[in-house]
Amino acid sequence: MALYTCGKCGMSVGTMTCGHCNAELVHDELSLPDGNTVFVAKCPGGHGKVKSPMCCGNDMTCTVG
């Protein structure tokens, strides 16, 4: 299970699922043309992706194990 955590306050977000197929979203990163990275949660079935959750004004992070 992907567990997104706020590095500032410790708040965490657990399982998120795709509304189309109910699969658990998986953590991924997008590389932007400017060299920055954006964290996303994507459907393993290819139904799309959403930006990672935010907390305390920052992207929450997820350790991929």
N, C-alpha and C. Protein backbone atom coordinates (compact mmCIF):
# COMPACT_ATOMS: atom_id res chain seq x y z
N MET A 1 0.84 -1.18 0.00
CA MET A 1 0.00 0.00 0.00
C MET A 1 0.88 1.24 0.00
N ALA A 2 0.58 2.18 -0.88
CA ALA A 2 1.28 3.46 -0.90
C ALA A 2 0.82 4.28 0.29
N LEU A 3 1.77 4.80 1.05
CA LEU A 3 1.46 5.62 2.21
C LEU A 3 2.18 6.95 2.05
N TYR A 4 1.41 7.99 1.74
CA TYR A 4 1.96 9.32 1.58
C TYR A 4 2.05 9.98 2.94
N THR A 5 3.19 10.60 3.24
CA THR A 5 3.42 11.21 4.54
C THR A 5 3.91 12.64 4.39
N CYS A 6 3.43 13.51 5.26
CA CYS A 6 3.89 14.90 5.29
C CYS A 6 5.17 14.96 6.11
N GLY A 7 6.23 15.49 5.51
CA GLY A 7 7.50 15.60 6.19
C GLY A 7 7.52 16.65 7.29
N LYS A 8 6.52 17.55 7.29
CA LYS A 8 6.49 18.63 8.28
C LYS A 8 5.70 18.25 9.52
N CYS A 9 4.47 17.73 9.34
CA CYS A 9 3.62 17.48 10.51
C CYS A 9 3.38 15.99 10.78
N GLY A 10 3.77 15.13 9.82
CA GLY A 10 3.61 13.69 10.02
C GLY A 10 2.26 13.13 9.61
N MET A 11 1.33 13.97 9.15
CA MET A 11 0.03 13.49 8.66
C MET A 11 0.28 12.49 7.54
N SER A 12 -0.55 11.43 7.44
CA SER A 12 -0.36 10.47 6.36
C SER A 12 -1.68 10.14 5.69
N VAL A 13 -1.60 9.69 4.44
CA VAL A 13 -2.75 9.29 3.64
C VAL A 13 -2.50 7.85 3.20
N GLY A 14 -3.49 6.99 3.41
CA GLY A 14 -3.35 5.58 3.05
C GLY A 14 -3.86 5.29 1.67
N THR A 15 -4.58 4.21 1.53
CA THR A 15 -5.03 3.69 0.24
C THR A 15 -5.91 4.67 -0.52
N MET A 16 -5.58 4.86 -1.80
CA MET A 16 -6.42 5.60 -2.73
C MET A 16 -6.71 4.64 -3.88
N THR A 17 -7.95 4.65 -4.38
CA THR A 17 -8.31 3.72 -5.44
C THR A 17 -8.84 4.44 -6.67
N CYS A 18 -8.73 3.78 -7.81
CA CYS A 18 -9.26 4.29 -9.07
C CYS A 18 -10.78 4.19 -9.04
N GLY A 19 -11.45 5.26 -9.40
CA GLY A 19 -12.91 5.26 -9.43
C GLY A 19 -13.47 4.43 -10.57
N HIS A 20 -12.66 4.15 -11.57
CA HIS A 20 -13.13 3.39 -12.72
C HIS A 20 -13.06 1.88 -12.48
N CYS A 21 -11.89 1.41 -11.96
CA CYS A 21 -11.71 -0.05 -11.82
C CYS A 21 -11.50 -0.49 -10.37
N ASN A 22 -11.44 0.45 -9.44
CA ASN A 22 -11.28 0.19 -8.01
C ASN A 22 -9.90 -0.36 -7.63
N ALA A 23 -8.92 -0.30 -8.55
CA ALA A 23 -7.56 -0.75 -8.24
C ALA A 23 -6.88 0.28 -7.35
N GLU A 24 -6.01 -0.19 -6.48
CA GLU A 24 -5.24 0.72 -5.63
C GLU A 24 -4.25 1.49 -6.49
N LEU A 25 -4.22 2.81 -6.32
CA LEU A 25 -3.28 3.64 -7.07
C LEU A 25 -1.87 3.37 -6.58
N VAL A 26 -0.91 3.46 -7.51
CA VAL A 26 0.49 3.22 -7.20
C VAL A 26 1.28 4.52 -7.35
N HIS A 27 2.33 4.65 -6.55
CA HIS A 27 3.17 5.83 -6.56
C HIS A 27 4.04 5.87 -7.82
N ASP A 28 4.20 7.06 -8.37
CA ASP A 28 5.09 7.24 -9.53
C ASP A 28 5.61 8.67 -9.51
N GLU A 29 6.58 8.95 -10.33
CA GLU A 29 7.14 10.28 -10.46
C GLU A 29 7.12 10.69 -11.92
N LEU A 30 6.85 11.96 -12.17
CA LEU A 30 6.93 12.51 -13.53
C LEU A 30 8.12 13.45 -13.57
N SER A 31 8.94 13.35 -14.59
CA SER A 31 10.04 14.27 -14.78
C SER A 31 9.57 15.39 -15.70
N LEU A 32 9.70 16.61 -15.24
CA LEU A 32 9.27 17.77 -16.01
C LEU A 32 10.41 18.26 -16.91
N PRO A 33 10.07 18.99 -17.98
CA PRO A 33 11.11 19.48 -18.89
C PRO A 33 12.16 20.36 -18.20
N ASP A 34 11.78 21.02 -17.10
CA ASP A 34 12.74 21.88 -16.40
C ASP A 34 13.64 21.11 -15.43
N GLY A 35 13.49 19.78 -15.40
CA GLY A 35 14.33 18.94 -14.55
C GLY A 35 13.72 18.63 -13.19
N ASN A 36 12.64 19.31 -12.83
CA ASN A 36 11.97 19.02 -11.56
C ASN A 36 11.17 17.72 -11.66
N THR A 37 10.81 17.19 -10.50
CA THR A 37 10.04 15.95 -10.42
C THR A 37 8.73 16.23 -9.70
N VAL A 38 7.65 15.62 -10.18
CA VAL A 38 6.34 15.74 -9.55
C VAL A 38 5.89 14.34 -9.15
N PHE A 39 5.48 14.17 -7.89
CA PHE A 39 4.95 12.89 -7.43
C PHE A 39 3.50 12.74 -7.86
N VAL A 40 3.13 11.55 -8.32
CA VAL A 40 1.76 11.27 -8.73
C VAL A 40 1.36 9.90 -8.19
N ALA A 41 0.06 9.66 -8.15
CA ALA A 41 -0.51 8.36 -7.85
C ALA A 41 -1.26 7.95 -9.11
N LYS A 42 -0.93 6.78 -9.67
CA LYS A 42 -1.54 6.41 -10.95
C LYS A 42 -2.24 5.06 -10.86
N CYS A 43 -3.22 4.89 -11.74
CA CYS A 43 -3.95 3.63 -11.83
C CYS A 43 -3.08 2.63 -12.57
N PRO A 44 -2.85 1.44 -12.00
CA PRO A 44 -2.05 0.44 -12.69
C PRO A 44 -2.73 -0.10 -13.95
N GLY A 45 -4.02 0.16 -14.07
CA GLY A 45 -4.78 -0.28 -15.25
C GLY A 45 -4.79 0.74 -16.37
N GLY A 46 -4.07 1.85 -16.18
CA GLY A 46 -3.96 2.85 -17.23
C GLY A 46 -5.11 3.85 -17.31
N HIS A 47 -5.92 3.97 -16.26
CA HIS A 47 -7.05 4.88 -16.30
C HIS A 47 -6.70 6.32 -15.95
N GLY A 48 -5.45 6.61 -15.67
CA GLY A 48 -5.04 7.98 -15.40
C GLY A 48 -4.20 8.11 -14.15
N LYS A 49 -3.93 9.37 -13.79
CA LYS A 49 -3.11 9.65 -12.62
C LYS A 49 -3.54 10.98 -12.01
N VAL A 50 -3.22 11.14 -10.75
CA VAL A 50 -3.50 12.39 -10.04
C VAL A 50 -2.21 12.83 -9.35
N LYS A 51 -2.10 14.12 -9.13
CA LYS A 51 -0.95 14.63 -8.40
C LYS A 51 -1.01 14.10 -6.98
N SER A 52 0.15 13.90 -6.38
CA SER A 52 0.19 13.40 -5.01
C SER A 52 -0.52 14.36 -4.07
N PRO A 53 -0.96 13.88 -2.91
CA PRO A 53 -1.60 14.75 -1.94
C PRO A 53 -0.63 15.82 -1.44
N MET A 54 -1.19 16.92 -0.93
CA MET A 54 -0.38 17.99 -0.36
C MET A 54 -0.79 18.20 1.09
N CYS A 55 0.15 18.63 1.91
CA CYS A 55 -0.10 18.96 3.31
C CYS A 55 0.91 20.02 3.72
N CYS A 56 0.52 20.94 4.55
CA CYS A 56 1.41 22.00 5.02
C CYS A 56 2.05 22.75 3.86
N GLY A 57 1.36 22.83 2.71
CA GLY A 57 1.85 23.56 1.56
C GLY A 57 2.90 22.82 0.74
N ASN A 58 3.15 21.55 1.03
CA ASN A 58 4.16 20.78 0.30
C ASN A 58 3.59 19.46 -0.18
N ASP A 59 4.21 18.89 -1.24
CA ASP A 59 3.84 17.55 -1.68
C ASP A 59 4.14 16.56 -0.56
N MET A 60 3.21 15.66 -0.32
CA MET A 60 3.48 14.55 0.60
C MET A 60 4.33 13.55 -0.18
N THR A 61 5.19 12.82 0.49
CA THR A 61 6.08 11.88 -0.18
C THR A 61 5.68 10.45 0.14
N CYS A 62 6.15 9.55 -0.69
CA CYS A 62 5.83 8.13 -0.55
C CYS A 62 7.09 7.32 -0.78
N THR A 63 7.40 6.44 0.13
CA THR A 63 8.53 5.55 -0.04
C THR A 63 8.08 4.33 -0.82
N VAL A 64 8.79 4.04 -1.89
CA VAL A 64 8.47 2.87 -2.69
C VAL A 64 9.32 1.73 -2.20
N GLY A 65 8.67 0.66 -1.73
CA GLY A 65 9.40 -0.44 -1.15
C GLY A 65 9.34 -1.61 -1.97
